[in-house]
Amino acid sequence: MPCRLALLLRLFAGVLALPLCTCAGAATPGQESAAAVTSRIEARDCVGAVDELKAGLKRGHAEVSLLAGTMYEHAVCVKRDWNRAVLFYSQAYQSGMKEAADRMAAGYAAPENGADVAAAIWWSGKGRIQASPGQQVLAPCAVSPAASDNMDRFVAELQTWPQWQLAMCNYVVGVMSMLSAEIRYPAPAQAYGVGGQVTLRFLPSVPKIELKKGDTQEYRLLGIFNGDMLRDRETSMVTGGFEKALGAVADRALRRYPRPGGIPAEAVFYVRYIFQLE
């Protein structure tokens, strides 16, 4: 049963409906190749993980390029190398994986990589946090349409922004892009055929992220299952997994990015994550 995680974002007065990720029911060759690398990592077999990684990269799998970027960014079985991570993320993005743009935006905004505000804002516009037709996401941190795909105009426009706006946007883009890149459909909820909604309220001037669980939805289960499974669908282990998944990433994002001064007290982001099974 495929899953879809949709995102509704409101910044100040703007309301936008955005797709965040799509999960296919049957694994693609690229997903299988990436899973083989992950299995080796989980088994603490770094030699085997690197061998599987090289094999997947040789086959040109975008999912493996994305995983390679993550491994080099976070020093998983390889030496940490942000520049190499960017090369692999770029390959994944060129192959159609917008999550790679989110990871580059999050990485460029991060202090451990020597925050590059322009690169962070540029890549945030290419990822899954992006504009719906005719509208803009993260409006105070968006350039004009004419500059969105022209690097010279983009840089020139950023040079007109005040320092407080650049600092705020680097912070907000970092947190929001990390959330977009790392949120996953909770495994128990997917296994039990349960969907749900969580509203995330981000107050960057505090900083604080608040979560509020919304309605849950039970989908028709396929295959053979027993009555206990139907009963367990309503337990907090299943229905509470949505808040837990969001909360874990939100906490790490707030720890990763230092809050700059000068953020308007009224700045607030409302994000509704909708977890759906189709």
C-alpha atoms as a PDB file:
ATOM      1  CA  MET A   1       0.000   0.000   0.000  1.00  0.00           C
ATOM      2  CA  PRO A   2       1.800   3.203  -1.114  1.00  0.00           C
ATOM      3  CA  CYS A   3       1.973   6.152   1.232  1.00  0.00           C
ATOM      4  CA  ARG A   4       2.036   9.865   0.722  1.00  0.00           C
ATOM      5  CA  LEU A   5       3.036  12.511   3.198  1.00  0.00           C
ATOM      6  CA  ALA A   6       1.569  15.873   2.284  1.00  0.00           C
ATOM      7  CA  LEU A   7       2.441  19.214   3.784  1.00  0.00           C
ATOM      8  CA  LEU A   8       0.398  22.339   4.322  1.00  0.00           C
ATOM      9  CA  LEU A   9       2.487  25.367   5.274  1.00  0.00           C
ATOM     10  CA  ARG A  10       1.339  28.745   6.482  1.00  0.00           C
ATOM     11  CA  LEU A  11       3.807  31.561   6.986  1.00  0.00           C
ATOM     12  CA  PHE A  12       2.176  34.608   8.558  1.00  0.00           C
ATOM     13  CA  ALA A  13      -0.955  34.883   6.379  1.00  0.00           C
ATOM     14  CA  GLY A  14      -0.026  32.634   3.467  1.00  0.00           C
ATOM     15  CA  VAL A  15      -1.530  29.144   3.206  1.00  0.00           C
ATOM     16  CA  LEU A  16       0.030  26.629   0.825  1.00  0.00           C
ATOM     17  CA  ALA A  17      -0.620  22.976   0.071  1.00  0.00           C
ATOM     18  CA  LEU A  18       2.581  21.117  -0.811  1.00  0.00           C
ATOM     19  CA  PRO A  19       3.605  17.517  -1.482  1.00  0.00           C
ATOM     20  CA  LEU A  20       6.413  16.388   0.811  1.00  0.00           C
ATOM     21  CA  CYS A  21       7.221  12.815  -0.159  1.00  0.00           C
ATOM     22  CA  THR A  22       5.893   9.784  -1.973  1.00  0.00           C
ATOM     23  CA  CYS A  23       6.545   6.203  -0.869  1.00  0.00           C
ATOM     24  CA  ALA A  24       6.022   3.415  -3.382  1.00  0.00           C
ATOM     25  CA  GLY A  25       4.649   0.034  -2.348  1.00  0.00           C
ATOM     26  CA  ALA A  26       7.146  -2.018  -4.362  1.00  0.00           C
ATOM     27  CA  ALA A  27      10.827  -1.171  -4.013  1.00  0.00           C
ATOM     28  CA  THR A  28      12.659   0.069  -7.089  1.00  0.00           C
ATOM     29  CA  PRO A  29      16.147  -1.244  -7.968  1.00  0.00           C
ATOM     30  CA  GLY A  30      17.593   1.980  -6.597  1.00  0.00           C
ATOM     31  CA  GLN A  31      15.715   1.609  -3.313  1.00  0.00           C
ATOM     32  CA  GLU A  32      16.843  -1.999  -3.034  1.00  0.00           C
ATOM     33  CA  SER A  33      20.437  -0.955  -3.668  1.00  0.00           C
ATOM     34  CA  ALA A  34      20.241   1.759  -1.012  1.00  0.00           C
ATOM     35  CA  ALA A  35      18.634  -0.701   1.400  1.00  0.00           C
ATOM     36  CA  ALA A  36      21.563  -3.075   0.889  1.00  0.00           C
ATOM     37  CA  VAL A  37      23.954  -0.313   1.949  1.00  0.00           C
ATOM     38  CA  THR A  38      21.791   0.546   4.949  1.00  0.00           C
ATOM     39  CA  SER A  39      21.642  -3.102   6.057  1.00  0.00           C
ATOM     40  CA  ARG A  40      25.436  -3.271   6.051  1.00  0.00           C
ATOM     41  CA  ILE A  41      25.631  -0.074   8.095  1.00  0.00           C
ATOM     42  CA  GLU A  42      23.135  -1.410  10.638  1.00  0.00           C
ATOM     43  CA  ALA A  43      25.224  -4.581  10.910  1.00  0.00           C
ATOM     44  CA  ARG A  44      28.313  -2.407  11.583  1.00  0.00           C
ATOM     45  CA  ASP A  45      29.916  -3.767   8.434  1.00  0.00           C
ATOM     46  CA  CYS A  46      31.448  -0.588   7.018  1.00  0.00           C
ATOM     47  CA  VAL A  47      33.630  -2.446   4.517  1.00  0.00           C
ATOM     48  CA  GLY A  48      30.576  -4.171   3.071  1.00  0.00           C
ATOM     49  CA  ALA A  49      28.581  -0.911   3.180  1.00  0.00           C
ATOM     50  CA  VAL A  50      31.208   0.918   1.142  1.00  0.00           C
ATOM     51  CA  ASP A  51      31.370  -1.966  -1.352  1.00  0.00           C
ATOM     52  CA  GLU A  52      27.584  -1.893  -1.763  1.00  0.00           C
ATOM     53  CA  LEU A  53      27.715   1.900  -2.046  1.00  0.00           C
ATOM     54  CA  LYS A  54      30.272   1.765  -4.853  1.00  0.00           C
ATOM     55  CA  ALA A  55      28.208  -0.856  -6.676  1.00  0.00           C
ATOM     56  CA  GLY A  56      25.032   1.236  -6.426  1.00  0.00           C
ATOM     57  CA  LEU A  57      26.812   4.391  -7.568  1.00  0.00           C
ATOM     58  CA  LYS A  58      28.264   2.515 -10.539  1.00  0.00           C
ATOM     59  CA  ARG A  59      24.727   1.537 -11.558  1.00  0.00           C
ATOM     60  CA  GLY A  60      23.718   5.193 -11.392  1.00  0.00           C
ATOM     61  CA  HIS A  61      20.990   4.811  -8.769  1.00  0.00           C
ATOM     62  CA  ALA A  62      19.792   8.212  -7.543  1.00  0.00           C
ATOM     63  CA  GLU A  63      18.772   6.755  -4.189  1.00  0.00           C
ATOM     64  CA  VAL A  64      22.327   5.572  -3.636  1.00  0.00           C
ATOM     65  CA  SER A  65      23.722   8.988  -4.586  1.00  0.00           C
ATOM     66  CA  LEU A  66      21.414  10.535  -1.977  1.00  0.00           C
ATOM     67  CA  LEU A  67      22.570   8.009   0.613  1.00  0.00           C
ATOM     68  CA  ALA A  68      26.219   8.615  -0.315  1.00  0.00           C
ATOM     69  CA  GLY A  69      25.695  12.335   0.312  1.00  0.00           C
ATOM     70  CA  THR A  70      24.231  11.604   3.730  1.00  0.00           C
ATOM     71  CA  MET A  71      27.089   9.265   4.604  1.00  0.00           C
ATOM     72  CA  TYR A  72      29.742  11.818   3.670  1.00  0.00           C
ATOM     73  CA  GLU A  73      27.875  14.644   5.397  1.00  0.00           C
ATOM     74  CA  HIS A  74      27.546  12.737   8.666  1.00  0.00           C
ATOM     75  CA  ALA A  75      30.692  10.557   8.541  1.00  0.00           C
ATOM     76  CA  VAL A  76      28.878   7.213   8.344  1.00  0.00           C
ATOM     77  CA  CYS A  77      31.422   4.538   7.389  1.00  0.00           C
ATOM     78  CA  VAL A  78      33.396   7.195   5.463  1.00  0.00           C
ATOM     79  CA  LYS A  79      35.408  10.268   6.410  1.00  0.00           C
ATOM     80  CA  ARG A  80      33.259  13.372   6.764  1.00  0.00           C
ATOM     81  CA  ASP A  81      33.517  15.507   3.635  1.00  0.00           C
ATOM     82  CA  TRP A  82      30.841  18.133   3.014  1.00  0.00           C
ATOM     83  CA  ASN A  83      32.146  18.958  -0.457  1.00  0.00           C
ATOM     84  CA  ARG A  84      31.840  15.317  -1.556  1.00  0.00           C
ATOM     85  CA  ALA A  85      28.414  15.159   0.051  1.00  0.00           C
ATOM     86  CA  VAL A  86      27.323  18.100  -2.121  1.00  0.00           C
ATOM     87  CA  LEU A  87      28.567  16.333  -5.260  1.00  0.00           C
ATOM     88  CA  PHE A  88      26.488  13.244  -4.474  1.00  0.00           C
ATOM     89  CA  TYR A  89      23.445  15.313  -3.460  1.00  0.00           C
ATOM     90  CA  SER A  90      23.763  17.189  -6.755  1.00  0.00           C
ATOM     91  CA  GLN A  91      23.779  13.905  -8.674  1.00  0.00           C
ATOM     92  CA  ALA A  92      20.643  12.786  -6.841  1.00  0.00           C
ATOM     93  CA  TYR A  93      18.933  16.123  -7.503  1.00  0.00           C
ATOM     94  CA  GLN A  94      19.791  15.992 -11.204  1.00  0.00           C
ATOM     95  CA  SER A  95      18.162  12.555 -11.264  1.00  0.00           C
ATOM     96  CA  GLY A  96      14.916  14.003  -9.925  1.00  0.00           C
ATOM     97  CA  MET A  97      15.232  13.593  -6.150  1.00  0.00           C
ATOM     98  CA  LYS A  98      14.110  16.907  -4.648  1.00  0.00           C
ATOM     99  CA  GLU A  99      14.945  15.620  -1.179  1.00  0.00           C
ATOM    100  CA  ALA A 100      18.582  16.139  -2.156  1.00  0.00           C
ATOM    101  CA  ALA A 101      17.910  19.882  -2.540  1.00  0.00           C
ATOM    102  CA  ASP A 102      16.378  19.936   0.949  1.00  0.00           C
ATOM    103  CA  ARG A 103      19.489  18.232   2.332  1.00  0.00           C
ATOM    104  CA  MET A 104      21.761  20.718   0.582  1.00  0.00           C
ATOM    105  CA  ALA A 105      19.718  23.651   1.902  1.00  0.00           C
ATOM    106  CA  ALA A 106      19.863  22.203   5.418  1.00  0.00           C
ATOM    107  CA  GLY A 107      23.598  21.508   5.101  1.00  0.00           C
ATOM    108  CA  TYR A 108      24.516  24.899   3.690  1.00  0.00           C
ATOM    109  CA  ALA A 109      22.599  26.596   6.524  1.00  0.00           C
ATOM    110  CA  ALA A 110      24.357  24.499   9.181  1.00  0.00           C
ATOM    111  CA  PRO A 111      27.135  26.039  11.278  1.00  0.00           C
ATOM    112  CA  GLU A 112      29.335  22.938  11.044  1.00  0.00           C
ATOM    113  CA  ASN A 113      29.665  23.532   7.310  1.00  0.00           C
ATOM    114  CA  GLY A 114      30.366  27.259   7.617  1.00  0.00           C
ATOM    115  CA  ALA A 115      26.876  28.592   6.883  1.00  0.00           C
ATOM    116  CA  ASP A 116      26.450  29.772   3.291  1.00  0.00           C
ATOM    117  CA  VAL A 117      23.242  31.796   3.376  1.00  0.00           C
ATOM    118  CA  ALA A 118      22.945  32.279  -0.375  1.00  0.00           C
ATOM    119  CA  ALA A 119      23.398  28.577  -1.129  1.00  0.00           C
ATOM    120  CA  ALA A 120      20.945  27.597   1.624  1.00  0.00           C
ATOM    121  CA  ILE A 121      18.225  29.894   0.285  1.00  0.00           C
ATOM    122  CA  TRP A 122      18.941  28.907  -3.330  1.00  0.00           C
ATOM    123  CA  TRP A 123      18.561  25.187  -2.668  1.00  0.00           C
ATOM    124  CA  SER A 124      15.527  25.625  -0.417  1.00  0.00           C
ATOM    125  CA  GLY A 125      13.754  26.942  -3.505  1.00  0.00           C
ATOM    126  CA  LYS A 126      14.595  23.748  -5.400  1.00  0.00           C
ATOM    127  CA  GLY A 127      13.459  21.233  -2.779  1.00  0.00           C
ATOM    128  CA  ARG A 128      10.163  19.946  -1.499  1.00  0.00           C
ATOM    129  CA  ILE A 129       9.524  23.154   0.421  1.00  0.00           C
ATOM    130  CA  GLN A 130       8.713  25.192  -2.649  1.00  0.00           C
ATOM    131  CA  ALA A 131       5.983  27.260  -4.211  1.00  0.00           C
ATOM    132  CA  SER A 132       2.562  26.070  -5.250  1.00  0.00           C
ATOM    133  CA  PRO A 133       1.485  27.528  -8.621  1.00  0.00           C
ATOM    134  CA  GLY A 134       1.267  31.302  -8.288  1.00  0.00           C
ATOM    135  CA  GLN A 135       2.385  31.383  -4.637  1.00  0.00           C
ATOM    136  CA  GLN A 136       5.593  31.403  -2.620  1.00  0.00           C
ATOM    137  CA  VAL A 137       6.694  29.426   0.386  1.00  0.00           C
ATOM    138  CA  LEU A 138       8.776  31.144   3.089  1.00  0.00           C
ATOM    139  CA  ALA A 139       7.805  34.486   1.584  1.00  0.00           C
ATOM    140  CA  PRO A 140      10.249  36.696   3.547  1.00  0.00           C
ATOM    141  CA  CYS A 141      13.036  34.367   2.382  1.00  0.00           C
ATOM    142  CA  ALA A 142      12.047  34.127  -1.286  1.00  0.00           C
ATOM    143  CA  VAL A 143      13.530  36.088  -4.148  1.00  0.00           C
ATOM    144  CA  SER A 144      11.579  37.443  -7.098  1.00  0.00           C
ATOM    145  CA  PRO A 145      10.550  34.984  -9.844  1.00  0.00           C
ATOM    146  CA  ALA A 146      13.063  36.576 -12.217  1.00  0.00           C
ATOM    147  CA  ALA A 147      15.905  35.780  -9.798  1.00  0.00           C
ATOM    148  CA  SER A 148      14.807  32.309  -8.727  1.00  0.00           C
ATOM    149  CA  ASP A 149      16.630  30.536 -11.582  1.00  0.00           C
ATOM    150  CA  ASN A 150      19.276  33.104 -12.411  1.00  0.00           C
ATOM    151  CA  MET A 151      22.278  32.927 -10.096  1.00  0.00           C
ATOM    152  CA  ASP A 152      23.570  36.433 -10.890  1.00  0.00           C
ATOM    153  CA  ARG A 153      20.206  38.047 -10.265  1.00  0.00           C
ATOM    154  CA  PHE A 154      19.708  35.869  -7.199  1.00  0.00           C
ATOM    155  CA  VAL A 155      22.971  36.990  -5.589  1.00  0.00           C
ATOM    156  CA  ALA A 156      22.346  40.628  -6.544  1.00  0.00           C
ATOM    157  CA  GLU A 157      18.910  40.524  -4.925  1.00  0.00           C
ATOM    158  CA  LEU A 158      20.230  38.987  -1.713  1.00  0.00           C
ATOM    159  CA  GLN A 159      22.773  41.792  -1.479  1.00  0.00           C
ATOM    160  CA  THR A 160      19.878  44.236  -1.031  1.00  0.00           C
ATOM    161  CA  TRP A 161      18.538  42.375   2.013  1.00  0.00           C
ATOM    162  CA  PRO A 162      19.337  43.652   5.532  1.00  0.00           C
ATOM    163  CA  GLN A 163      21.626  41.487   7.651  1.00  0.00           C
ATOM    164  CA  TRP A 164      18.875  40.504  10.092  1.00  0.00           C
ATOM    165  CA  GLN A 165      16.763  39.120   7.221  1.00  0.00           C
ATOM    166  CA  LEU A 166      19.659  37.063   5.856  1.00  0.00           C
ATOM    167  CA  ALA A 167      20.382  35.648   9.317  1.00  0.00           C
ATOM    168  CA  MET A 168      16.714  34.868   9.965  1.00  0.00           C
ATOM    169  CA  CYS A 169      16.283  33.199   6.583  1.00  0.00           C
ATOM    170  CA  ASN A 170      19.375  31.058   7.012  1.00  0.00           C
ATOM    171  CA  TYR A 171      17.964  29.865  10.348  1.00  0.00           C
ATOM    172  CA  VAL A 172      14.411  29.282   9.136  1.00  0.00           C
ATOM    173  CA  VAL A 173      15.543  27.609   5.905  1.00  0.00           C
ATOM    174  CA  GLY A 174      17.854  25.316   7.865  1.00  0.00           C
ATOM    175  CA  VAL A 175      15.181  24.160  10.294  1.00  0.00           C
ATOM    176  CA  MET A 176      12.419  23.816   7.695  1.00  0.00           C
ATOM    177  CA  SER A 177      14.623  22.079   5.116  1.00  0.00           C
ATOM    178  CA  MET A 178      15.885  19.596   7.699  1.00  0.00           C
ATOM    179  CA  LEU A 179      12.301  18.777   8.641  1.00  0.00           C
ATOM    180  CA  SER A 180      11.350  18.346   4.989  1.00  0.00           C
ATOM    181  CA  ALA A 181      14.356  16.111   4.304  1.00  0.00           C
ATOM    182  CA  GLU A 182      14.094  13.847   7.328  1.00  0.00           C
ATOM    183  CA  ILE A 183      10.401  13.392   8.175  1.00  0.00           C
ATOM    184  CA  ARG A 184       9.319   9.819   7.477  1.00  0.00           C
ATOM    185  CA  TYR A 185       5.999   7.991   7.671  1.00  0.00           C
ATOM    186  CA  PRO A 186       6.056   6.201  11.068  1.00  0.00           C
ATOM    187  CA  ALA A 187       6.595   2.481  10.481  1.00  0.00           C
ATOM    188  CA  PRO A 188       3.954   1.258  13.027  1.00  0.00           C
ATOM    189  CA  ALA A 189       1.279   3.527  11.541  1.00  0.00           C
ATOM    190  CA  GLN A 190       2.074   2.406   8.006  1.00  0.00           C
ATOM    191  CA  ALA A 191       2.111  -1.259   9.027  1.00  0.00           C
ATOM    192  CA  TYR A 192      -1.294  -0.937  10.742  1.00  0.00           C
ATOM    193  CA  GLY A 193      -2.817   1.097   7.914  1.00  0.00           C
ATOM    194  CA  VAL A 194      -3.293   4.296   9.914  1.00  0.00           C
ATOM    195  CA  GLY A 195      -3.046   7.855   8.638  1.00  0.00           C
ATOM    196  CA  GLY A 196      -3.026  11.061  10.609  1.00  0.00           C
ATOM    197  CA  GLN A 197      -2.370  14.768  10.829  1.00  0.00           C
ATOM    198  CA  VAL A 198      -0.029  16.823  12.978  1.00  0.00           C
ATOM    199  CA  THR A 199       0.098  20.615  13.067  1.00  0.00           C
ATOM    200  CA  LEU A 200       3.526  22.066  13.775  1.00  0.00           C
ATOM    201  CA  ARG A 201       3.790  25.631  15.078  1.00  0.00           C
ATOM    202  CA  PHE A 202       7.269  27.103  14.699  1.00  0.00           C
ATOM    203  CA  LEU A 203       8.102  30.328  16.542  1.00  0.00           C
ATOM    204  CA  PRO A 204      11.662  31.107  15.396  1.00  0.00           C
ATOM    205  CA  SER A 205      12.123  34.130  17.676  1.00  0.00           C
ATOM    206  CA  VAL A 206      11.755  31.978  20.835  1.00  0.00           C
ATOM    207  CA  PRO A 207      12.768  29.441  19.399  1.00  0.00           C
ATOM    208  CA  LYS A 208      10.051  26.866  19.945  1.00  0.00           C
ATOM    209  CA  ILE A 209       8.256  24.165  17.989  1.00  0.00           C
ATOM    210  CA  GLU A 210       4.858  23.011  19.211  1.00  0.00           C
ATOM    211  CA  LEU A 211       3.032  19.913  17.943  1.00  0.00           C
ATOM    212  CA  LYS A 212      -0.687  19.193  17.979  1.00  0.00           C
ATOM    213  CA  LYS A 213      -2.114  15.899  16.770  1.00  0.00           C
ATOM    214  CA  GLY A 214      -5.181  16.064  14.573  1.00  0.00           C
ATOM    215  CA  ASP A 215      -7.558  13.396  13.320  1.00  0.00           C
ATOM    216  CA  THR A 216      -6.406   9.885  12.473  1.00  0.00           C
ATOM    217  CA  GLN A 217      -7.769   7.712   9.680  1.00  0.00           C
ATOM    218  CA  GLU A 218      -7.883   3.928   9.343  1.00  0.00           C
ATOM    219  CA  TYR A 219      -7.382   2.468   5.882  1.00  0.00           C
ATOM    220  CA  ARG A 220      -8.522  -0.892   4.606  1.00  0.00           C
ATOM    221  CA  LEU A 221      -5.974  -3.571   5.455  1.00  0.00           C
ATOM    222  CA  LEU A 222      -4.917  -5.950   2.703  1.00  0.00           C
ATOM    223  CA  GLY A 223      -3.958  -9.596   3.153  1.00  0.00           C
ATOM    224  CA  ILE A 224      -4.407 -11.803   6.228  1.00  0.00           C
ATOM    225  CA  PHE A 225      -4.649 -10.201   9.666  1.00  0.00           C
ATOM    226  CA  ASN A 226      -6.271 -10.994  13.017  1.00  0.00           C
ATOM    227  CA  GLY A 227      -8.621  -9.122  15.346  1.00  0.00           C
ATOM    228  CA  ASP A 228      -5.781  -8.043  17.609  1.00  0.00           C
ATOM    229  CA  MET A 229      -4.300  -6.049  14.761  1.00  0.00           C
ATOM    230  CA  LEU A 230      -7.550  -4.136  14.294  1.00  0.00           C
ATOM    231  CA  ARG A 231      -7.666  -3.381  18.024  1.00  0.00           C
ATOM    232  CA  ASP A 232      -4.014  -2.323  18.147  1.00  0.00           C
ATOM    233  CA  ARG A 233      -4.593   0.265  15.432  1.00  0.00           C
ATOM    234  CA  GLU A 234      -6.081   2.566  18.077  1.00  0.00           C
ATOM    235  CA  THR A 235      -3.201   2.335  20.569  1.00  0.00           C
ATOM    236  CA  SER A 236      -0.924   5.272  21.284  1.00  0.00           C
ATOM    237  CA  MET A 237       2.004   3.289  19.879  1.00  0.00           C
ATOM    238  CA  VAL A 238       0.368   3.606  16.467  1.00  0.00           C
ATOM    239  CA  THR A 239      -1.582   6.870  16.580  1.00  0.00           C
ATOM    240  CA  GLY A 240       1.065   8.708  18.619  1.00  0.00           C
ATOM    241  CA  GLY A 241       3.796   7.826  16.166  1.00  0.00           C
ATOM    242  CA  PHE A 242       3.104  10.884  14.010  1.00  0.00           C
ATOM    243  CA  GLU A 243       3.917  13.363  16.790  1.00  0.00           C
ATOM    244  CA  LYS A 244       6.895  11.295  17.851  1.00  0.00           C
ATOM    245  CA  ALA A 245       8.331  11.222  14.331  1.00  0.00           C
ATOM    246  CA  LEU A 246       7.974  14.978  13.931  1.00  0.00           C
ATOM    247  CA  GLY A 247       9.138  15.768  17.452  1.00  0.00           C
ATOM    248  CA  ALA A 248      12.374  13.816  17.119  1.00  0.00           C
ATOM    249  CA  VAL A 249      13.429  15.691  13.970  1.00  0.00           C
ATOM    250  CA  ALA A 250      12.214  19.043  15.308  1.00  0.00           C
ATOM    251  CA  ASP A 251      14.289  18.689  18.478  1.00  0.00           C
ATOM    252  CA  ARG A 252      17.419  17.853  16.503  1.00  0.00           C
ATOM    253  CA  ALA A 253      16.812  20.738  14.095  1.00  0.00           C
ATOM    254  CA  LEU A 254      16.525  23.276  16.915  1.00  0.00           C
ATOM    255  CA  ARG A 255      19.744  21.960  18.452  1.00  0.00           C
ATOM    256  CA  ARG A 256      21.596  22.043  15.134  1.00  0.00           C
ATOM    257  CA  TYR A 257      20.894  25.659  14.184  1.00  0.00           C
ATOM    258  CA  PRO A 258      21.715  28.530  16.580  1.00  0.00           C
ATOM    259  CA  ARG A 259      18.991  31.154  16.691  1.00  0.00           C
ATOM    260  CA  PRO A 260      20.172  34.576  15.471  1.00  0.00           C
ATOM    261  CA  GLY A 261      19.019  37.834  16.965  1.00  0.00           C
ATOM    262  CA  GLY A 262      16.683  40.241  15.251  1.00  0.00           C
ATOM    263  CA  ILE A 263      13.890  37.823  14.335  1.00  0.00           C
ATOM    264  CA  PRO A 264      10.515  39.608  14.577  1.00  0.00           C
ATOM    265  CA  ALA A 265       8.508  38.360  17.555  1.00  0.00           C
ATOM    266  CA  GLU A 266       5.435  37.942  15.353  1.00  0.00           C
ATOM    267  CA  ALA A 267       7.172  35.511  12.982  1.00  0.00           C
ATOM    268  CA  VAL A 268       5.332  32.198  13.096  1.00  0.00           C
ATOM    269  CA  PHE A 269       5.074  29.193  10.786  1.00  0.00           C
ATOM    270  CA  TYR A 270       2.156  26.771  10.862  1.00  0.00           C
ATOM    271  CA  VAL A 271       2.865  23.469   9.162  1.00  0.00           C
ATOM    272  CA  ARG A 272       0.310  20.699   8.829  1.00  0.00           C
ATOM    273  CA  TYR A 273       1.751  17.277   7.997  1.00  0.00           C
ATOM    274  CA  ILE A 274      -0.832  14.922   6.527  1.00  0.00           C
ATOM    275  CA  PHE A 275       0.153  11.247   6.519  1.00  0.00           C
ATOM    276  CA  GLN A 276      -1.943   9.330   3.972  1.00  0.00           C
ATOM    277  CA  LEU A 277      -2.040   5.801   2.641  1.00  0.00           C
ATOM    278  CA  GLU A 278      -3.321   5.176  -0.859  1.00  0.00           C
END
